[in-house]
Amino acid sequence: MTSTSPGLVGSLGVVFAALLVGCATGAVEKSREDCGADSRCEVDLAAQYHEQALQLQVLAQQYAAEADLQAAQNGPDSEQAQRTRDLAKQMWARAQEADQRARKLRSQVPHGVVY
């Protein structure tokens, strides 16, 4: 059985995060302007942003837990733990942005429109 160094695992985690964030943020390809006056399109777009926010929140939670583990293993001020904490903060910020977009789109859908 081979062992993996913590630095390699951390580096792979950063690459994996970049790929996941790219996929998650690329999932919403339409913009509000693409919908025009189509309320159904706005509802669908809001749902996509909401799903993106949920995925980013999960990533943020995972990074926060990983940072706690790294801090316990390598010390609270270790470079690896700090990088992972920074990734968690970035994921939370992106999740909040996606959630705000979803809320804004939902608020623009006329009342009484049900899909």
N, C-alpha and C. Protein backbone atom coordinates (compact mmCIF):
# COMPACT_ATOMS: atom_id res chain seq x y z
N MET A 1 0.84 -1.17 0.00
CA MET A 1 0.00 0.00 0.00
C MET A 1 0.89 1.23 0.00
N THR A 2 0.56 2.23 -0.81
CA THR A 2 1.37 3.44 -0.87
C THR A 2 0.70 4.54 -0.08
N SER A 3 1.51 5.45 0.40
CA SER A 3 0.95 6.59 1.12
C SER A 3 1.05 7.83 0.24
N THR A 4 0.17 8.75 0.48
CA THR A 4 0.13 9.99 -0.28
C THR A 4 0.48 11.13 0.65
N SER A 5 1.33 12.01 0.18
CA SER A 5 1.72 13.12 1.04
C SER A 5 0.58 14.11 1.17
N PRO A 6 0.45 14.79 2.34
CA PRO A 6 -0.61 15.77 2.53
C PRO A 6 -0.56 16.89 1.49
N GLY A 7 0.64 17.26 1.07
CA GLY A 7 0.76 18.33 0.07
C GLY A 7 0.16 17.94 -1.26
N LEU A 8 0.36 16.67 -1.65
CA LEU A 8 -0.20 16.19 -2.90
C LEU A 8 -1.71 16.14 -2.82
N VAL A 9 -2.23 15.65 -1.70
CA VAL A 9 -3.68 15.59 -1.53
C VAL A 9 -4.27 17.00 -1.57
N GLY A 10 -3.63 17.94 -0.91
CA GLY A 10 -4.11 19.32 -0.92
C GLY A 10 -4.09 19.92 -2.31
N SER A 11 -3.02 19.66 -3.06
CA SER A 11 -2.92 20.19 -4.42
C SER A 11 -3.98 19.59 -5.33
N LEU A 12 -4.20 18.29 -5.19
CA LEU A 12 -5.25 17.65 -5.98
C LEU A 12 -6.62 18.20 -5.60
N GLY A 13 -6.80 18.49 -4.32
CA GLY A 13 -8.07 19.07 -3.87
C GLY A 13 -8.32 20.42 -4.49
N VAL A 14 -7.28 21.23 -4.62
CA VAL A 14 -7.41 22.55 -5.24
C VAL A 14 -7.79 22.41 -6.71
N VAL A 15 -7.14 21.50 -7.41
CA VAL A 15 -7.46 21.27 -8.82
C VAL A 15 -8.89 20.76 -8.96
N PHE A 16 -9.27 19.81 -8.10
CA PHE A 16 -10.62 19.27 -8.13
C PHE A 16 -11.65 20.36 -7.87
N ALA A 17 -11.36 21.23 -6.92
CA ALA A 17 -12.28 22.33 -6.60
C ALA A 17 -12.45 23.25 -7.79
N ALA A 18 -11.35 23.55 -8.44
CA ALA A 18 -11.43 24.43 -9.61
C ALA A 18 -12.30 23.82 -10.69
N LEU A 19 -12.16 22.51 -10.89
CA LEU A 19 -12.99 21.83 -11.88
C LEU A 19 -14.45 21.84 -11.48
N LEU A 20 -14.73 21.56 -10.21
CA LEU A 20 -16.12 21.54 -9.75
C LEU A 20 -16.75 22.92 -9.82
N VAL A 21 -16.00 23.93 -9.41
CA VAL A 21 -16.54 25.29 -9.45
C VAL A 21 -16.78 25.69 -10.88
N GLY A 22 -15.86 25.34 -11.76
CA GLY A 22 -16.06 25.64 -13.17
C GLY A 22 -17.30 24.98 -13.71
N CYS A 23 -17.53 23.74 -13.35
CA CYS A 23 -18.72 23.02 -13.80
C CYS A 23 -19.97 23.63 -13.17
N ALA A 24 -19.90 23.92 -11.89
CA ALA A 24 -21.07 24.46 -11.21
C ALA A 24 -21.42 25.85 -11.73
N THR A 25 -20.42 26.69 -11.92
CA THR A 25 -20.70 28.04 -12.38
C THR A 25 -21.03 28.06 -13.85
N GLY A 26 -20.58 27.09 -14.60
CA GLY A 26 -20.90 27.02 -16.01
C GLY A 26 -22.26 26.42 -16.28
N ALA A 27 -22.90 25.88 -15.24
CA ALA A 27 -24.18 25.21 -15.41
C ALA A 27 -25.28 26.18 -15.83
N VAL A 28 -25.16 27.44 -15.44
CA VAL A 28 -26.18 28.43 -15.78
C VAL A 28 -25.66 29.20 -16.99
N GLU A 29 -26.15 28.80 -18.15
CA GLU A 29 -25.65 29.38 -19.39
C GLU A 29 -26.51 30.52 -19.91
N LYS A 30 -27.76 30.56 -19.50
CA LYS A 30 -28.64 31.64 -19.94
C LYS A 30 -28.52 32.82 -19.00
N SER A 31 -28.92 33.97 -19.49
CA SER A 31 -28.99 35.14 -18.63
C SER A 31 -30.43 35.65 -18.64
N ARG A 32 -30.72 36.57 -17.79
CA ARG A 32 -32.06 37.16 -17.70
C ARG A 32 -32.48 37.72 -19.04
N GLU A 33 -31.55 38.32 -19.76
CA GLU A 33 -31.86 38.94 -21.05
C GLU A 33 -32.27 37.89 -22.09
N ASP A 34 -31.71 36.67 -21.98
CA ASP A 34 -32.06 35.60 -22.91
C ASP A 34 -33.52 35.18 -22.77
N CYS A 35 -34.09 35.41 -21.60
CA CYS A 35 -35.47 34.98 -21.36
C CYS A 35 -36.50 35.92 -21.98
N GLY A 36 -36.13 37.17 -22.15
CA GLY A 36 -37.11 38.13 -22.66
C GLY A 36 -38.29 38.22 -21.71
N ALA A 37 -39.51 38.08 -22.24
CA ALA A 37 -40.72 38.16 -21.41
C ALA A 37 -41.23 36.78 -21.03
N ASP A 38 -40.44 35.75 -21.23
CA ASP A 38 -40.84 34.38 -20.96
C ASP A 38 -40.69 34.07 -19.46
N SER A 39 -41.80 34.08 -18.76
CA SER A 39 -41.78 33.83 -17.31
C SER A 39 -41.31 32.43 -16.99
N ARG A 40 -41.65 31.47 -17.83
CA ARG A 40 -41.22 30.09 -17.60
C ARG A 40 -39.68 30.00 -17.64
N CYS A 41 -39.09 30.71 -18.57
CA CYS A 41 -37.63 30.75 -18.69
C CYS A 41 -37.02 31.33 -17.41
N GLU A 42 -37.62 32.38 -16.87
CA GLU A 42 -37.11 33.00 -15.65
C GLU A 42 -37.21 32.03 -14.46
N VAL A 43 -38.31 31.30 -14.40
CA VAL A 43 -38.48 30.32 -13.32
C VAL A 43 -37.41 29.23 -13.43
N ASP A 44 -37.20 28.74 -14.65
CA ASP A 44 -36.17 27.71 -14.87
C ASP A 44 -34.78 28.23 -14.53
N LEU A 45 -34.49 29.45 -14.95
CA LEU A 45 -33.19 30.05 -14.68
C LEU A 45 -32.98 30.23 -13.17
N ALA A 46 -34.02 30.66 -12.47
CA ALA A 46 -33.94 30.81 -11.01
C ALA A 46 -33.66 29.46 -10.36
N ALA A 47 -34.29 28.40 -10.86
CA ALA A 47 -34.07 27.06 -10.31
C ALA A 47 -32.63 26.62 -10.54
N GLN A 48 -32.09 26.94 -11.70
CA GLN A 48 -30.69 26.59 -11.99
C GLN A 48 -29.74 27.32 -11.05
N TYR A 49 -29.98 28.61 -10.82
CA TYR A 49 -29.13 29.36 -9.89
C TYR A 49 -29.27 28.82 -8.47
N HIS A 50 -30.47 28.44 -8.10
CA HIS A 50 -30.68 27.88 -6.76
C HIS A 50 -29.91 26.57 -6.61
N GLU A 51 -29.96 25.71 -7.61
CA GLU A 51 -29.23 24.44 -7.57
C GLU A 51 -27.72 24.70 -7.50
N GLN A 52 -27.27 25.68 -8.27
CA GLN A 52 -25.84 26.03 -8.24
C GLN A 52 -25.45 26.50 -6.83
N ALA A 53 -26.30 27.30 -6.20
CA ALA A 53 -26.01 27.78 -4.85
C ALA A 53 -25.90 26.62 -3.87
N LEU A 54 -26.80 25.65 -4.00
CA LEU A 54 -26.76 24.49 -3.11
C LEU A 54 -25.47 23.69 -3.30
N GLN A 55 -25.06 23.49 -4.55
CA GLN A 55 -23.83 22.74 -4.83
C GLN A 55 -22.61 23.47 -4.25
N LEU A 56 -22.59 24.77 -4.39
CA LEU A 56 -21.46 25.55 -3.88
C LEU A 56 -21.45 25.55 -2.35
N GLN A 57 -22.62 25.54 -1.73
CA GLN A 57 -22.69 25.46 -0.27
C GLN A 57 -22.12 24.14 0.24
N VAL A 58 -22.43 23.06 -0.47
CA VAL A 58 -21.90 21.75 -0.09
C VAL A 58 -20.38 21.76 -0.21
N LEU A 59 -19.87 22.31 -1.31
CA LEU A 59 -18.41 22.41 -1.47
C LEU A 59 -17.79 23.23 -0.35
N ALA A 60 -18.42 24.34 -0.01
CA ALA A 60 -17.90 25.20 1.05
C ALA A 60 -17.84 24.45 2.38
N GLN A 61 -18.89 23.68 2.68
CA GLN A 61 -18.92 22.90 3.92
C GLN A 61 -17.82 21.85 3.92
N GLN A 62 -17.62 21.21 2.77
CA GLN A 62 -16.57 20.20 2.68
C GLN A 62 -15.19 20.82 2.87
N TYR A 63 -14.96 21.97 2.26
CA TYR A 63 -13.67 22.63 2.42
C TYR A 63 -13.45 23.11 3.85
N ALA A 64 -14.49 23.60 4.48
CA ALA A 64 -14.36 24.04 5.87
C ALA A 64 -13.99 22.86 6.77
N ALA A 65 -14.63 21.71 6.54
CA ALA A 65 -14.32 20.52 7.34
C ALA A 65 -12.89 20.06 7.06
N GLU A 66 -12.49 20.09 5.80
CA GLU A 66 -11.12 19.69 5.45
C GLU A 66 -10.10 20.64 6.08
N ALA A 67 -10.42 21.92 6.09
CA ALA A 67 -9.51 22.89 6.71
C ALA A 67 -9.36 22.63 8.20
N ASP A 68 -10.47 22.28 8.86
CA ASP A 68 -10.41 21.96 10.29
C ASP A 68 -9.52 20.74 10.53
N LEU A 69 -9.66 19.74 9.68
CA LEU A 69 -8.83 18.54 9.80
C LEU A 69 -7.35 18.88 9.57
N GLN A 70 -7.07 19.66 8.54
CA GLN A 70 -5.69 20.06 8.25
C GLN A 70 -5.11 20.88 9.39
N ALA A 71 -5.93 21.75 9.98
CA ALA A 71 -5.46 22.57 11.10
C ALA A 71 -5.14 21.69 12.31
N ALA A 72 -5.95 20.66 12.52
CA ALA A 72 -5.70 19.75 13.64
C ALA A 72 -4.42 18.95 13.42
N GLN A 73 -4.17 18.58 12.16
CA GLN A 73 -2.99 17.77 11.85
C GLN A 73 -1.71 18.60 11.75
N ASN A 74 -1.82 19.77 11.13
CA ASN A 74 -0.62 20.56 10.81
C ASN A 74 -0.48 21.86 11.58
N GLY A 75 -1.43 22.15 12.44
CA GLY A 75 -1.42 23.40 13.18
C GLY A 75 -2.41 24.38 12.57
N PRO A 76 -3.03 25.19 13.42
CA PRO A 76 -4.10 26.09 12.95
C PRO A 76 -3.64 27.14 11.93
N ASP A 77 -2.37 27.45 11.93
CA ASP A 77 -1.87 28.47 11.01
C ASP A 77 -1.11 27.87 9.83
N SER A 78 -1.29 26.58 9.58
CA SER A 78 -0.55 25.95 8.49
C SER A 78 -1.02 26.53 7.15
N GLU A 79 -0.10 26.56 6.22
CA GLU A 79 -0.40 27.11 4.89
C GLU A 79 -1.51 26.31 4.21
N GLN A 80 -1.45 25.00 4.36
CA GLN A 80 -2.44 24.13 3.73
C GLN A 80 -3.84 24.40 4.29
N ALA A 81 -3.95 24.52 5.60
CA ALA A 81 -5.25 24.79 6.22
C ALA A 81 -5.77 26.16 5.80
N GLN A 82 -4.89 27.13 5.70
CA GLN A 82 -5.29 28.48 5.30
C GLN A 82 -5.80 28.50 3.86
N ARG A 83 -5.10 27.78 2.97
CA ARG A 83 -5.54 27.71 1.56
C ARG A 83 -6.93 27.09 1.47
N THR A 84 -7.13 26.03 2.24
CA THR A 84 -8.42 25.35 2.19
C THR A 84 -9.51 26.23 2.80
N ARG A 85 -9.20 26.96 3.86
CA ARG A 85 -10.16 27.92 4.43
C ARG A 85 -10.53 28.98 3.40
N ASP A 86 -9.53 29.45 2.66
CA ASP A 86 -9.78 30.45 1.61
C ASP A 86 -10.71 29.90 0.53
N LEU A 87 -10.50 28.63 0.16
CA LEU A 87 -11.39 28.00 -0.82
C LEU A 87 -12.82 27.93 -0.28
N ALA A 88 -12.95 27.58 0.99
CA ALA A 88 -14.28 27.51 1.60
C ALA A 88 -14.96 28.87 1.54
N LYS A 89 -14.21 29.92 1.84
CA LYS A 89 -14.77 31.28 1.80
C LYS A 89 -15.20 31.66 0.39
N GLN A 90 -14.39 31.29 -0.59
CA GLN A 90 -14.74 31.57 -1.99
C GLN A 90 -16.01 30.84 -2.38
N MET A 91 -16.15 29.59 -1.97
CA MET A 91 -17.35 28.82 -2.30
C MET A 91 -18.58 29.44 -1.65
N TRP A 92 -18.45 29.88 -0.38
CA TRP A 92 -19.58 30.53 0.30
C TRP A 92 -19.97 31.80 -0.44
N ALA A 93 -18.99 32.59 -0.85
CA ALA A 93 -19.29 33.84 -1.56
C ALA A 93 -20.00 33.56 -2.88
N ARG A 94 -19.53 32.58 -3.62
CA ARG A 94 -20.17 32.24 -4.89
C ARG A 94 -21.57 31.67 -4.67
N ALA A 95 -21.72 30.92 -3.62
CA ALA A 95 -23.05 30.38 -3.30
C ALA A 95 -24.03 31.51 -3.00
N GLN A 96 -23.57 32.50 -2.25
CA GLN A 96 -24.43 33.65 -1.93
C GLN A 96 -24.79 34.43 -3.19
N GLU A 97 -23.84 34.58 -4.09
CA GLU A 97 -24.11 35.28 -5.35
C GLU A 97 -25.17 34.54 -6.16
N ALA A 98 -25.02 33.23 -6.28
CA ALA A 98 -25.98 32.43 -7.04
C ALA A 98 -27.36 32.48 -6.38
N ASP A 99 -27.40 32.44 -5.05
CA ASP A 99 -28.67 32.50 -4.34
C ASP A 99 -29.34 33.86 -4.55
N GLN A 100 -28.55 34.93 -4.53
CA GLN A 100 -29.11 36.27 -4.76
C GLN A 100 -29.68 36.39 -6.18
N ARG A 101 -28.99 35.80 -7.16
CA ARG A 101 -29.50 35.82 -8.53
C ARG A 101 -30.82 35.08 -8.62
N ALA A 102 -30.89 33.92 -7.96
CA ALA A 102 -32.12 33.12 -7.97
C ALA A 102 -33.27 33.91 -7.33
N ARG A 103 -33.00 34.54 -6.21
CA ARG A 103 -34.04 35.34 -5.53
C ARG A 103 -34.51 36.50 -6.40
N LYS A 104 -33.56 37.15 -7.03
CA LYS A 104 -33.92 38.30 -7.89
C LYS A 104 -34.80 37.84 -9.05
N LEU A 105 -34.41 36.74 -9.67
CA LEU A 105 -35.22 36.22 -10.79
C LEU A 105 -36.61 35.81 -10.32
N ARG A 106 -36.69 35.14 -9.18
CA ARG A 106 -38.01 34.73 -8.67
C ARG A 106 -38.88 35.94 -8.36
N SER A 107 -38.26 37.02 -7.90
CA SER A 107 -39.04 38.21 -7.56
C SER A 107 -39.58 38.90 -8.82
N GLN A 108 -38.99 38.62 -9.98
CA GLN A 108 -39.42 39.26 -11.22
C GLN A 108 -40.52 38.50 -11.93
N VAL A 109 -40.78 37.29 -11.49
CA VAL A 109 -41.86 36.50 -12.09
C VAL A 109 -43.18 37.05 -11.59
N PRO A 110 -44.11 37.32 -12.49
CA PRO A 110 -45.41 37.88 -12.07
C PRO A 110 -46.10 36.98 -11.05
N HIS A 111 -46.78 37.62 -10.09
CA HIS A 111 -47.52 36.86 -9.09
C HIS A 111 -48.64 36.07 -9.74
N GLY A 112 -48.88 34.92 -9.22
CA GLY A 112 -49.94 34.07 -9.75
C GLY A 112 -49.49 33.15 -10.86
N VAL A 113 -48.24 33.32 -11.34
CA VAL A 113 -47.73 32.44 -12.37
C VAL A 113 -47.23 31.17 -11.69
N VAL A 114 -47.81 30.03 -12.08
CA VAL A 114 -47.44 28.76 -11.47
C VAL A 114 -46.97 27.82 -12.57
N TYR A 115 -45.85 27.14 -12.32
CA TYR A 115 -45.31 26.18 -13.29
C TYR A 115 -45.10 24.86 -12.64
